[in-house]
């Protein structure tokens, strides 16, 4: 029980990404959004990455089902 209370009371230590002029602003924005989601859902950033990947997989499988119906997909993906 003490271990649970200690985790609730003690703040978690997280790595801080320092902004430099060479960082891609979109990458920094994405990282910040992931950290906010992790804090809101009280999970690790790696779990946020997993949630995002699962959502993309769901969207892609829905697009595949629409292809079978003979309809145009909502989005086009270019690989390469």
N, C-alpha and C. Protein backbone atom coordinates (compact mmCIF):
# COMPACT_ATOMS: atom_id res chain seq x y z
N UNK A 1 0.83 -1.19 0.00
CA UNK A 1 0.00 0.00 0.00
C UNK A 1 0.87 1.25 0.00
N UNK A 2 1.95 1.21 0.77
CA UNK A 2 2.82 2.38 0.83
C UNK A 2 3.45 2.67 -0.52
N UNK A 3 3.75 1.62 -1.29
CA UNK A 3 4.33 1.81 -2.61
C UNK A 3 3.39 2.53 -3.56
N UNK A 4 2.09 2.20 -3.46
CA UNK A 4 1.09 2.85 -4.31
C UNK A 4 0.96 4.32 -3.95
N UNK A 5 0.88 4.61 -2.66
CA UNK A 5 0.76 6.00 -2.22
C UNK A 5 2.00 6.80 -2.59
N UNK A 6 3.15 6.16 -2.48
CA UNK A 6 4.40 6.84 -2.83
C UNK A 6 4.43 7.22 -4.30
N UNK A 7 3.91 6.34 -5.18
CA UNK A 7 3.86 6.65 -6.60
C UNK A 7 2.90 7.78 -6.89
N UNK A 8 1.81 7.87 -6.15
CA UNK A 8 0.84 8.93 -6.37
C UNK A 8 1.37 10.28 -5.90
N UNK A 9 2.11 10.28 -4.80
CA UNK A 9 2.58 11.53 -4.20
C UNK A 9 3.84 12.04 -4.89
N UNK A 10 4.80 11.15 -5.13
CA UNK A 10 6.09 11.55 -5.70
C UNK A 10 5.93 11.84 -7.19
N UNK A 11 6.39 13.00 -7.65
CA UNK A 11 6.29 13.31 -9.09
C UNK A 11 7.20 12.40 -9.89
N UNK A 12 6.76 12.05 -11.08
CA UNK A 12 7.56 11.20 -11.96
C UNK A 12 8.62 12.02 -12.65
N UNK A 13 9.79 11.42 -12.80
CA UNK A 13 10.88 12.09 -13.51
C UNK A 13 10.76 11.73 -14.98
N UNK A 14 10.83 12.74 -15.83
CA UNK A 14 10.73 12.54 -17.26
C UNK A 14 11.87 13.27 -17.95
N UNK A 15 12.26 12.73 -19.08
CA UNK A 15 13.30 13.39 -19.87
C UNK A 15 12.72 14.64 -20.51
N UNK A 16 13.49 15.67 -20.54
CA UNK A 16 13.06 16.93 -21.14
C UNK A 16 13.85 17.12 -22.43
N UNK A 17 13.14 17.37 -23.51
CA UNK A 17 13.78 17.61 -24.79
C UNK A 17 14.01 19.11 -24.92
N UNK A 18 15.27 19.48 -25.10
CA UNK A 18 15.61 20.89 -25.25
C UNK A 18 15.42 21.31 -26.69
N UNK A 19 14.82 22.44 -26.90
CA UNK A 19 14.56 22.96 -28.23
C UNK A 19 15.82 23.63 -28.76
N UNK A 20 16.21 23.22 -29.94
CA UNK A 20 17.34 23.87 -30.61
C UNK A 20 16.85 24.38 -31.95
N UNK A 21 17.61 25.24 -32.55
CA UNK A 21 17.22 25.81 -33.83
C UNK A 21 17.22 24.76 -34.94
N UNK A 22 17.90 23.63 -34.75
CA UNK A 22 17.98 22.60 -35.77
C UNK A 22 16.82 21.61 -35.69
N UNK A 23 16.01 21.65 -34.61
CA UNK A 23 14.91 20.70 -34.48
C UNK A 23 13.77 21.07 -35.43
N UNK A 24 13.18 20.04 -35.99
CA UNK A 24 12.02 20.22 -36.85
C UNK A 24 10.85 20.69 -35.99
N UNK A 25 10.22 21.81 -36.31
CA UNK A 25 9.11 22.31 -35.48
C UNK A 25 7.94 21.34 -35.41
N UNK A 26 7.67 20.62 -36.49
CA UNK A 26 6.58 19.64 -36.48
C UNK A 26 6.91 18.47 -35.56
N UNK A 27 8.17 18.04 -35.55
CA UNK A 27 8.59 16.95 -34.67
C UNK A 27 8.48 17.38 -33.21
N UNK A 28 8.86 18.62 -32.94
CA UNK A 28 8.75 19.15 -31.58
C UNK A 28 7.28 19.25 -31.15
N UNK A 29 6.43 19.68 -32.08
CA UNK A 29 4.99 19.78 -31.79
C UNK A 29 4.40 18.40 -31.51
N UNK A 30 4.80 17.40 -32.30
CA UNK A 30 4.33 16.03 -32.09
C UNK A 30 4.79 15.48 -30.75
N UNK A 31 6.04 15.70 -30.40
CA UNK A 31 6.57 15.23 -29.13
C UNK A 31 5.84 15.88 -27.96
N UNK A 32 5.57 17.18 -28.07
CA UNK A 32 4.85 17.89 -27.02
C UNK A 32 3.44 17.34 -26.87
N UNK A 33 2.77 17.08 -28.00
CA UNK A 33 1.42 16.52 -27.95
C UNK A 33 1.42 15.14 -27.30
N UNK A 34 2.42 14.32 -27.61
CA UNK A 34 2.52 13.00 -27.00
C UNK A 34 2.71 13.11 -25.49
N UNK A 35 3.53 14.04 -25.06
CA UNK A 35 3.76 14.22 -23.62
C UNK A 35 2.49 14.70 -22.92
N UNK A 36 1.72 15.57 -23.57
CA UNK A 36 0.46 16.03 -22.99
C UNK A 36 -0.51 14.86 -22.87
N UNK A 37 -0.64 14.06 -23.93
CA UNK A 37 -1.52 12.90 -23.88
C UNK A 37 -1.10 11.92 -22.79
N UNK A 38 0.21 11.70 -22.66
CA UNK A 38 0.71 10.80 -21.63
C UNK A 38 0.33 11.30 -20.24
N UNK A 39 0.42 12.61 -20.05
CA UNK A 39 0.07 13.17 -18.75
C UNK A 39 -1.44 13.08 -18.50
N UNK A 40 -2.25 13.37 -19.52
CA UNK A 40 -3.70 13.33 -19.36
C UNK A 40 -4.18 11.92 -19.06
N UNK A 41 -3.66 10.93 -19.80
CA UNK A 41 -4.09 9.55 -19.61
C UNK A 41 -3.29 8.82 -18.53
N UNK A 42 -2.30 9.50 -17.97
CA UNK A 42 -1.44 8.92 -16.94
C UNK A 42 -0.79 7.62 -17.40
N UNK A 43 -0.18 7.70 -18.59
CA UNK A 43 0.55 6.57 -19.17
C UNK A 43 1.91 7.05 -19.63
N UNK A 44 2.74 6.11 -20.10
CA UNK A 44 4.05 6.47 -20.63
C UNK A 44 3.91 6.93 -22.08
N UNK A 45 4.90 7.68 -22.55
CA UNK A 45 4.90 8.17 -23.93
C UNK A 45 4.90 6.98 -24.89
N UNK A 46 5.57 5.90 -24.53
CA UNK A 46 5.58 4.72 -25.40
C UNK A 46 4.18 4.14 -25.56
N UNK A 47 3.36 4.24 -24.52
CA UNK A 47 1.98 3.76 -24.61
C UNK A 47 1.15 4.69 -25.51
N UNK A 48 1.46 5.97 -25.50
CA UNK A 48 0.79 6.92 -26.41
C UNK A 48 1.15 6.56 -27.84
N UNK A 49 2.42 6.24 -28.10
CA UNK A 49 2.84 5.82 -29.44
C UNK A 49 2.04 4.59 -29.88
N UNK A 50 1.85 3.66 -28.96
CA UNK A 50 1.09 2.44 -29.27
C UNK A 50 -0.37 2.78 -29.57
N UNK A 51 -0.97 3.70 -28.81
CA UNK A 51 -2.35 4.11 -29.07
C UNK A 51 -2.48 4.73 -30.46
N UNK A 52 -1.53 5.58 -30.81
CA UNK A 52 -1.56 6.24 -32.12
C UNK A 52 -1.41 5.20 -33.23
N UNK A 53 -0.49 4.26 -33.07
CA UNK A 53 -0.29 3.22 -34.07
C UNK A 53 -1.55 2.37 -34.23
N UNK A 54 -2.20 2.02 -33.12
CA UNK A 54 -3.44 1.24 -33.19
C UNK A 54 -4.52 2.01 -33.95
N UNK A 55 -4.59 3.31 -33.73
CA UNK A 55 -5.60 4.13 -34.41
C UNK A 55 -5.33 4.16 -35.92
N UNK A 56 -4.07 4.30 -36.32
CA UNK A 56 -3.74 4.27 -37.73
C UNK A 56 -4.08 2.92 -38.35
N UNK A 57 -3.80 1.84 -37.61
CA UNK A 57 -4.12 0.50 -38.11
C UNK A 57 -5.62 0.34 -38.31
N UNK A 58 -6.42 0.84 -37.37
CA UNK A 58 -7.88 0.77 -37.50
C UNK A 58 -8.36 1.56 -38.72
N UNK A 59 -7.82 2.75 -38.90
CA UNK A 59 -8.22 3.58 -40.03
C UNK A 59 -7.83 2.93 -41.35
N UNK A 60 -6.67 2.33 -41.38
CA UNK A 60 -6.21 1.67 -42.61
C UNK A 60 -7.07 0.46 -42.93
N UNK A 61 -7.47 -0.31 -41.91
CA UNK A 61 -8.32 -1.47 -42.16
C UNK A 61 -9.71 -1.05 -42.61
N UNK A 62 -10.20 0.09 -42.13
CA UNK A 62 -11.49 0.61 -42.60
C UNK A 62 -11.38 1.03 -44.06
N UNK A 63 -10.26 1.64 -44.43
CA UNK A 63 -10.04 2.03 -45.82
C UNK A 63 -10.00 0.80 -46.72
N UNK A 64 -9.40 -0.28 -46.23
CA UNK A 64 -9.32 -1.50 -47.02
C UNK A 64 -10.72 -2.07 -47.27
N UNK A 65 -11.60 -1.97 -46.26
CA UNK A 65 -12.96 -2.46 -46.43
C UNK A 65 -13.72 -1.62 -47.46
N UNK A 66 -13.46 -0.32 -47.49
CA UNK A 66 -14.12 0.54 -48.47
C UNK A 66 -13.64 0.23 -49.88
N UNK A 67 -12.39 -0.18 -50.02
CA UNK A 67 -11.86 -0.55 -51.33
C UNK A 67 -12.62 -1.74 -51.90
N UNK A 68 -13.00 -2.68 -51.04
CA UNK A 68 -13.71 -3.86 -51.48
C UNK A 68 -15.11 -3.50 -51.98
N UNK A 69 -15.68 -2.41 -51.49
CA UNK A 69 -17.01 -1.98 -51.90
C UNK A 69 -16.99 -1.26 -53.24
N UNK A 70 -15.82 -1.03 -53.79
CA UNK A 70 -15.71 -0.33 -55.05
C UNK A 70 -15.71 1.18 -54.89
N UNK A 71 -15.61 1.67 -53.67
CA UNK A 71 -15.58 3.10 -53.43
C UNK A 71 -14.14 3.58 -53.39
N UNK A 72 -13.97 4.87 -53.66
CA UNK A 72 -12.64 5.45 -53.57
C UNK A 72 -12.24 5.58 -52.11
N UNK A 73 -10.96 5.36 -51.78
CA UNK A 73 -10.50 5.56 -50.40
C UNK A 73 -10.52 7.05 -50.04
N UNK A 74 -10.64 7.31 -48.76
CA UNK A 74 -10.69 8.69 -48.29
C UNK A 74 -9.34 9.38 -48.47
N UNK A 75 -8.24 8.62 -48.30
CA UNK A 75 -6.91 9.17 -48.41
C UNK A 75 -6.06 8.29 -49.31
N UNK A 76 -5.06 8.88 -49.92
CA UNK A 76 -4.11 8.13 -50.73
C UNK A 76 -2.77 8.14 -50.02
N UNK A 77 -2.07 7.01 -50.03
CA UNK A 77 -0.75 6.89 -49.41
C UNK A 77 0.27 6.66 -50.51
N UNK A 78 1.31 7.45 -50.55
CA UNK A 78 2.40 7.25 -51.50
C UNK A 78 3.61 6.73 -50.76
N UNK A 79 4.09 5.58 -51.14
CA UNK A 79 5.29 5.00 -50.54
C UNK A 79 6.47 5.26 -51.45
N UNK A 80 7.61 5.52 -50.83
CA UNK A 80 8.79 5.64 -51.68
C UNK A 80 9.55 6.81 -51.43
